[in-house]
Amino acid sequence: MKKKDRIAIVVSILYLMLPLSIVGGGGEGPEAALLMLSVLIAYWGYRFIKGDISFIKSKEDDET
């Protein structure tokens, strides 16, 4: 696992705590939390599509 991935995981976990703390409140809390989670999902989805996640490698990549 590369340093870039470790940093991204730590920041993602810390960022995940914020929407989880918002969900407890009523009103617009759940909608705001979903919006914040969508940013995190979009980030990891982008990295996955670009193949920029070092700990997810296919066997074909390892053999070459």
PDB file of N, CA and C in Angstrom:
ATOM      1  N   MET A   1       0.854  -1.167   0.000  1.00  0.00           N
ATOM      2  CA  MET A   1       0.000   0.000   0.000  1.00  0.00           C
ATOM      3  C   MET A   1       0.902   1.233   0.000  1.00  0.00           C
ATOM      4  N   LYS A   2       0.599   2.128  -0.887  1.00  0.00           N
ATOM      5  CA  LYS A   2       1.405   3.349  -1.014  1.00  0.00           C
ATOM      6  C   LYS A   2       1.000   4.369   0.051  1.00  0.00           C
ATOM      7  N   LYS A   3       1.892   5.314   0.274  1.00  0.00           N
ATOM      8  CA  LYS A   3       1.651   6.366   1.261  1.00  0.00           C
ATOM      9  C   LYS A   3       0.405   7.170   0.893  1.00  0.00           C
ATOM     10  N   LYS A   4       0.210   7.410  -0.391  1.00  0.00           N
ATOM     11  CA  LYS A   4      -0.959   8.169  -0.861  1.00  0.00           C
ATOM     12  C   LYS A   4      -2.259   7.470  -0.457  1.00  0.00           C
ATOM     13  N   ASP A   5      -2.276   6.143  -0.551  1.00  0.00           N
ATOM     14  CA  ASP A   5      -3.465   5.380  -0.177  1.00  0.00           C
ATOM     15  C   ASP A   5      -3.707   5.424   1.331  1.00  0.00           C
ATOM     16  N   ARG A   6      -2.642   5.307   2.107  1.00  0.00           N
ATOM     17  CA  ARG A   6      -2.798   5.356   3.562  1.00  0.00           C
ATOM     18  C   ARG A   6      -3.340   6.709   4.014  1.00  0.00           C
ATOM     19  N   ILE A   7      -2.836   7.773   3.416  1.00  0.00           N
ATOM     20  CA  ILE A   7      -3.327   9.115   3.757  1.00  0.00           C
ATOM     21  C   ILE A   7      -4.797   9.251   3.370  1.00  0.00           C
ATOM     22  N   ALA A   8      -5.161   8.758   2.189  1.00  0.00           N
ATOM     23  CA  ALA A   8      -6.548   8.850   1.723  1.00  0.00           C
ATOM     24  C   ALA A   8      -7.485   8.070   2.636  1.00  0.00           C
ATOM     25  N   ILE A   9      -7.053   6.924   3.124  1.00  0.00           N
ATOM     26  CA  ILE A   9      -7.894   6.128   4.021  1.00  0.00           C
ATOM     27  C   ILE A   9      -8.099   6.844   5.350  1.00  0.00           C
ATOM     28  N   VAL A  10      -7.035   7.392   5.911  1.00  0.00           N
ATOM     29  CA  VAL A  10      -7.151   8.102   7.190  1.00  0.00           C
ATOM     30  C   VAL A  10      -8.054   9.326   7.055  1.00  0.00           C
ATOM     31  N   VAL A  11      -7.848  10.098   6.002  1.00  0.00           N
ATOM     32  CA  VAL A  11      -8.689  11.284   5.792  1.00  0.00           C
ATOM     33  C   VAL A  11     -10.143  10.878   5.560  1.00  0.00           C
ATOM     34  N   SER A  12     -10.360   9.790   4.834  1.00  0.00           N
ATOM     35  CA  SER A  12     -11.725   9.322   4.576  1.00  0.00           C
ATOM     36  C   SER A  12     -12.413   8.892   5.864  1.00  0.00           C
ATOM     37  N   ILE A  13     -11.693   8.195   6.736  1.00  0.00           N
ATOM     38  CA  ILE A  13     -12.280   7.770   8.008  1.00  0.00           C
ATOM     39  C   ILE A  13     -12.624   8.977   8.863  1.00  0.00           C
ATOM     40  N   LEU A  14     -11.722   9.944   8.918  1.00  0.00           N
ATOM     41  CA  LEU A  14     -12.010  11.159   9.689  1.00  0.00           C
ATOM     42  C   LEU A  14     -13.185  11.919   9.097  1.00  0.00           C
ATOM     43  N   TYR A  15     -13.238  11.990   7.764  1.00  0.00           N
ATOM     44  CA  TYR A  15     -14.337  12.686   7.091  1.00  0.00           C
ATOM     45  C   TYR A  15     -15.653  11.938   7.295  1.00  0.00           C
ATOM     46  N   LEU A  16     -15.604  10.613   7.407  1.00  0.00           N
ATOM     47  CA  LEU A  16     -16.802   9.808   7.606  1.00  0.00           C
ATOM     48  C   LEU A  16     -17.440  10.070   8.964  1.00  0.00           C
ATOM     49  N   MET A  17     -16.645  10.448   9.939  1.00  0.00           N
ATOM     50  CA  MET A  17     -17.176  10.712  11.280  1.00  0.00           C
ATOM     51  C   MET A  17     -18.094  11.929  11.296  1.00  0.00           C
ATOM     52  N   LEU A  18     -17.838  12.898  10.449  1.00  0.00           N
ATOM     53  CA  LEU A  18     -18.653  14.105  10.415  1.00  0.00           C
ATOM     54  C   LEU A  18     -20.091  13.812   9.969  1.00  0.00           C
ATOM     55  N   PRO A  19     -20.313  13.131   8.832  1.00  0.00           N
ATOM     56  CA  PRO A  19     -21.695  12.822   8.460  1.00  0.00           C
ATOM     57  C   PRO A  19     -22.393  11.908   9.461  1.00  0.00           C
ATOM     58  N   LEU A  20     -21.647  11.000  10.074  1.00  0.00           N
ATOM     59  CA  LEU A  20     -22.261  10.116  11.062  1.00  0.00           C
ATOM     60  C   LEU A  20     -22.722  10.892  12.294  1.00  0.00           C
ATOM     61  N   SER A  21     -22.002  11.946  12.646  1.00  0.00           N
ATOM     62  CA  SER A  21     -22.416  12.755  13.788  1.00  0.00           C
ATOM     63  C   SER A  21     -23.628  13.631  13.445  1.00  0.00           C
ATOM     64  N   ILE A  22     -23.795  13.959  12.171  1.00  0.00           N
ATOM     65  CA  ILE A  22     -24.915  14.795  11.744  1.00  0.00           C
ATOM     66  C   ILE A  22     -26.220  14.004  11.717  1.00  0.00           C
ATOM     67  N   VAL A  23     -26.141  12.709  11.420  1.00  0.00           N
ATOM     68  CA  VAL A  23     -27.342  11.885  11.262  1.00  0.00           C
ATOM     69  C   VAL A  23     -28.179  11.869  12.533  1.00  0.00           C
ATOM     70  N   GLY A  24     -27.545  11.951  13.687  1.00  0.00           N
ATOM     71  CA  GLY A  24     -28.268  11.905  14.958  1.00  0.00           C
ATOM     72  C   GLY A  24     -29.271  13.037  15.119  1.00  0.00           C
ATOM     73  N   GLY A  25     -28.988  14.191  14.554  1.00  0.00           N
ATOM     74  CA  GLY A  25     -29.899  15.324  14.663  1.00  0.00           C
ATOM     75  C   GLY A  25     -31.066  15.183  13.707  1.00  0.00           C
ATOM     76  N   GLY A  26     -32.166  15.798  14.020  1.00  0.00           N
ATOM     77  CA  GLY A  26     -33.339  15.729  13.149  1.00  0.00           C
ATOM     78  C   GLY A  26     -33.277  16.766  12.055  1.00  0.00           C
ATOM     79  N   GLY A  27     -34.392  17.006  11.418  1.00  0.00           N
ATOM     80  CA  GLY A  27     -34.472  18.027  10.383  1.00  0.00           C
ATOM     81  C   GLY A  27     -33.737  17.646   9.122  1.00  0.00           C
ATOM     82  N   GLU A  28     -32.828  18.517   8.689  1.00  0.00           N
ATOM     83  CA  GLU A  28     -32.096  18.292   7.453  1.00  0.00           C
ATOM     84  C   GLU A  28     -30.808  17.496   7.674  1.00  0.00           C
ATOM     85  N   GLY A  29     -30.616  16.948   8.845  1.00  0.00           N
ATOM     86  CA  GLY A  29     -29.403  16.203   9.155  1.00  0.00           C
ATOM     87  C   GLY A  29     -29.148  15.031   8.227  1.00  0.00           C
ATOM     88  N   PRO A  30     -30.114  14.133   8.039  1.00  0.00           N
ATOM     89  CA  PRO A  30     -29.858  12.973   7.157  1.00  0.00           C
ATOM     90  C   PRO A  30     -29.566  13.365   5.710  1.00  0.00           C
ATOM     91  N   GLU A  31     -30.232  14.390   5.201  1.00  0.00           N
ATOM     92  CA  GLU A  31     -29.976  14.824   3.825  1.00  0.00           C
ATOM     93  C   GLU A  31     -28.574  15.392   3.685  1.00  0.00           C
ATOM     94  N   ALA A  32     -28.146  16.167   4.666  1.00  0.00           N
ATOM     95  CA  ALA A  32     -26.801  16.736   4.636  1.00  0.00           C
ATOM     96  C   ALA A  32     -25.751  15.630   4.745  1.00  0.00           C
ATOM     97  N   ALA A  33     -26.029  14.636   5.573  1.00  0.00           N
ATOM     98  CA  ALA A  33     -25.086  13.524   5.724  1.00  0.00           C
ATOM     99  C   ALA A  33     -24.967  12.739   4.424  1.00  0.00           C
ATOM    100  N   LEU A  34     -26.075  12.517   3.724  1.00  0.00           N
ATOM    101  CA  LEU A  34     -26.029  11.811   2.445  1.00  0.00           C
ATOM    102  C   LEU A  34     -25.248  12.603   1.411  1.00  0.00           C
ATOM    103  N   LEU A  35     -25.409  13.906   1.412  1.00  0.00           N
ATOM    104  CA  LEU A  35     -24.653  14.748   0.495  1.00  0.00           C
ATOM    105  C   LEU A  35     -23.155  14.654   0.782  1.00  0.00           C
ATOM    106  N   MET A  36     -22.794  14.676   2.051  1.00  0.00           N
ATOM    107  CA  MET A  36     -21.386  14.586   2.416  1.00  0.00           C
ATOM    108  C   MET A  36     -20.824  13.202   2.083  1.00  0.00           C
ATOM    109  N   LEU A  37     -21.617  12.164   2.280  1.00  0.00           N
ATOM    110  CA  LEU A  37     -21.170  10.812   1.935  1.00  0.00           C
ATOM    111  C   LEU A  37     -21.015  10.645   0.432  1.00  0.00           C
ATOM    112  N   SER A  38     -21.849  11.331  -0.343  1.00  0.00           N
ATOM    113  CA  SER A  38     -21.739  11.213  -1.791  1.00  0.00           C
ATOM    114  C   SER A  38     -20.410  11.775  -2.289  1.00  0.00           C
ATOM    115  N   VAL A  39     -19.881  12.790  -1.608  1.00  0.00           N
ATOM    116  CA  VAL A  39     -18.569  13.335  -1.970  1.00  0.00           C
ATOM    117  C   VAL A  39     -17.493  12.270  -1.745  1.00  0.00           C
ATOM    118  N   LEU A  40     -17.568  11.578  -0.632  1.00  0.00           N
ATOM    119  CA  LEU A  40     -16.594  10.536  -0.324  1.00  0.00           C
ATOM    120  C   LEU A  40     -16.701   9.363  -1.307  1.00  0.00           C
ATOM    121  N   ILE A  41     -17.907   8.969  -1.638  1.00  0.00           N
ATOM    122  CA  ILE A  41     -18.117   7.889  -2.607  1.00  0.00           C
ATOM    123  C   ILE A  41     -17.622   8.301  -3.987  1.00  0.00           C
ATOM    124  N   ALA A  42     -17.859   9.543  -4.366  1.00  0.00           N
ATOM    125  CA  ALA A  42     -17.383  10.027  -5.663  1.00  0.00           C
ATOM    126  C   ALA A  42     -15.851  10.019  -5.721  1.00  0.00           C
ATOM    127  N   TYR A  43     -15.201  10.394  -4.642  1.00  0.00           N
ATOM    128  CA  TYR A  43     -13.735  10.398  -4.608  1.00  0.00           C
ATOM    129  C   TYR A  43     -13.173   8.996  -4.796  1.00  0.00           C
ATOM    130  N   TRP A  44     -13.677   8.041  -4.007  1.00  0.00           N
ATOM    131  CA  TRP A  44     -13.166   6.675  -4.111  1.00  0.00           C
ATOM    132  C   TRP A  44     -13.581   6.036  -5.427  1.00  0.00           C
ATOM    133  N   GLY A  45     -14.738   6.392  -5.950  1.00  0.00           N
ATOM    134  CA  GLY A  45     -15.153   5.896  -7.263  1.00  0.00           C
ATOM    135  C   GLY A  45     -14.238   6.403  -8.362  1.00  0.00           C
ATOM    136  N   TYR A  46     -13.865   7.651  -8.292  1.00  0.00           N
ATOM    137  CA  TYR A  46     -12.945   8.229  -9.268  1.00  0.00           C
ATOM    138  C   TYR A  46     -11.595   7.522  -9.227  1.00  0.00           C
ATOM    139  N   ARG A  47     -11.083   7.321  -8.016  1.00  0.00           N
ATOM    140  CA  ARG A  47      -9.790   6.628  -7.889  1.00  0.00           C
ATOM    141  C   ARG A  47      -9.886   5.197  -8.392  1.00  0.00           C
ATOM    142  N   PHE A  48     -11.019   4.536  -8.153  1.00  0.00           N
ATOM    143  CA  PHE A  48     -11.199   3.164  -8.620  1.00  0.00           C
ATOM    144  C   PHE A  48     -11.228   3.105 -10.146  1.00  0.00           C
ATOM    145  N   ILE A  49     -11.964   4.019 -10.764  1.00  0.00           N
ATOM    146  CA  ILE A  49     -12.065   4.042 -12.223  1.00  0.00           C
ATOM    147  C   ILE A  49     -10.705   4.330 -12.858  1.00  0.00           C
ATOM    148  N   LYS A  50      -9.947   5.223 -12.268  1.00  0.00           N
ATOM    149  CA  LYS A  50      -8.623   5.559 -12.796  1.00  0.00           C
ATOM    150  C   LYS A  50      -7.583   4.477 -12.495  1.00  0.00           C
ATOM    151  N   GLY A  51      -7.916   3.516 -11.643  1.00  0.00           N
ATOM    152  CA  GLY A  51      -6.966   2.471 -11.273  1.00  0.00           C
ATOM    153  C   GLY A  51      -5.863   2.991 -10.376  1.00  0.00           C
ATOM    154  N   ASP A  52      -6.188   3.954  -9.535  1.00  0.00           N
ATOM    155  CA  ASP A  52      -5.209   4.633  -8.701  1.00  0.00           C
ATOM    156  C   ASP A  52      -5.191   4.121  -7.262  1.00  0.00           C
ATOM    157  N   ILE A  53      -5.746   2.940  -7.030  1.00  0.00           N
ATOM    158  CA  ILE A  53      -5.769   2.369  -5.694  1.00  0.00           C
ATOM    159  C   ILE A  53      -4.792   1.198  -5.697  1.00  0.00           C
ATOM    160  N   SER A  54      -3.680   1.349  -4.985  1.00  0.00           N
ATOM    161  CA  SER A  54      -2.602   0.365  -5.083  1.00  0.00           C
ATOM    162  C   SER A  54      -2.947  -0.966  -4.426  1.00  0.00           C
ATOM    163  N   PHE A  55      -3.831  -0.972  -3.417  1.00  0.00           N
ATOM    164  CA  PHE A  55      -4.128  -2.233  -2.749  1.00  0.00           C
ATOM    165  C   PHE A  55      -5.215  -3.030  -3.465  1.00  0.00           C
ATOM    166  N   ILE A  56      -5.753  -2.512  -4.564  1.00  0.00           N
ATOM    167  CA  ILE A  56      -6.679  -3.264  -5.417  1.00  0.00           C
ATOM    168  C   ILE A  56      -5.998  -3.432  -6.764  1.00  0.00           C
ATOM    169  N   LYS A  57      -5.346  -4.530  -6.927  1.00  0.00           N
ATOM    170  CA  LYS A  57      -4.672  -4.835  -8.193  1.00  0.00           C
ATOM    171  C   LYS A  57      -5.143  -6.195  -8.676  1.00  0.00           C
ATOM    172  N   SER A  58      -5.315  -6.301  -9.980  1.00  0.00           N
ATOM    173  CA  SER A  58      -5.706  -7.591 -10.559  1.00  0.00           C
ATOM    174  C   SER A  58      -4.487  -8.479 -10.721  1.00  0.00           C
ATOM    175  N   LYS A  59      -4.721  -9.754 -10.913  1.00  0.00           N
ATOM    176  CA  LYS A  59      -3.613 -10.692 -11.107  1.00  0.00           C
ATOM    177  C   LYS A  59      -2.847 -10.382 -12.386  1.00  0.00           C
ATOM    178  N   GLU A  60      -3.530  -9.848 -13.396  1.00  0.00           N
ATOM    179  CA  GLU A  60      -2.873  -9.486 -14.653  1.00  0.00           C
ATOM    180  C   GLU A  60      -1.835  -8.397 -14.421  1.00  0.00           C
ATOM    181  N   ASP A  61      -2.132  -7.435 -13.553  1.00  0.00           N
ATOM    182  CA  ASP A  61      -1.193  -6.360 -13.266  1.00  0.00           C
ATOM    183  C   ASP A  61       0.046  -6.893 -12.523  1.00  0.00           C
ATOM    184  N   ASP A  62      -0.150  -7.895 -11.671  1.00  0.00           N
ATOM    185  CA  ASP A  62       0.958  -8.448 -10.918  1.00  0.00           C
ATOM    186  C   ASP A  62       1.909  -9.245 -11.795  1.00  0.00           C
ATOM    187  N   GLU A  63       1.388  -9.902 -12.832  1.00  0.00           N
ATOM    188  CA  GLU A  63       2.198 -10.762 -13.679  1.00  0.00           C
ATOM    189  C   GLU A  63       3.046  -9.974 -14.671  1.00  0.00           C
ATOM    190  N   THR A  64       2.659  -8.776 -15.023  1.00  0.00           N
ATOM    191  CA  THR A  64       3.416  -8.003 -16.008  1.00  0.00           C
ATOM    192  C   THR A  64       4.540  -7.239 -15.389  1.00  0.00           C
TER     193      THR A  64
END
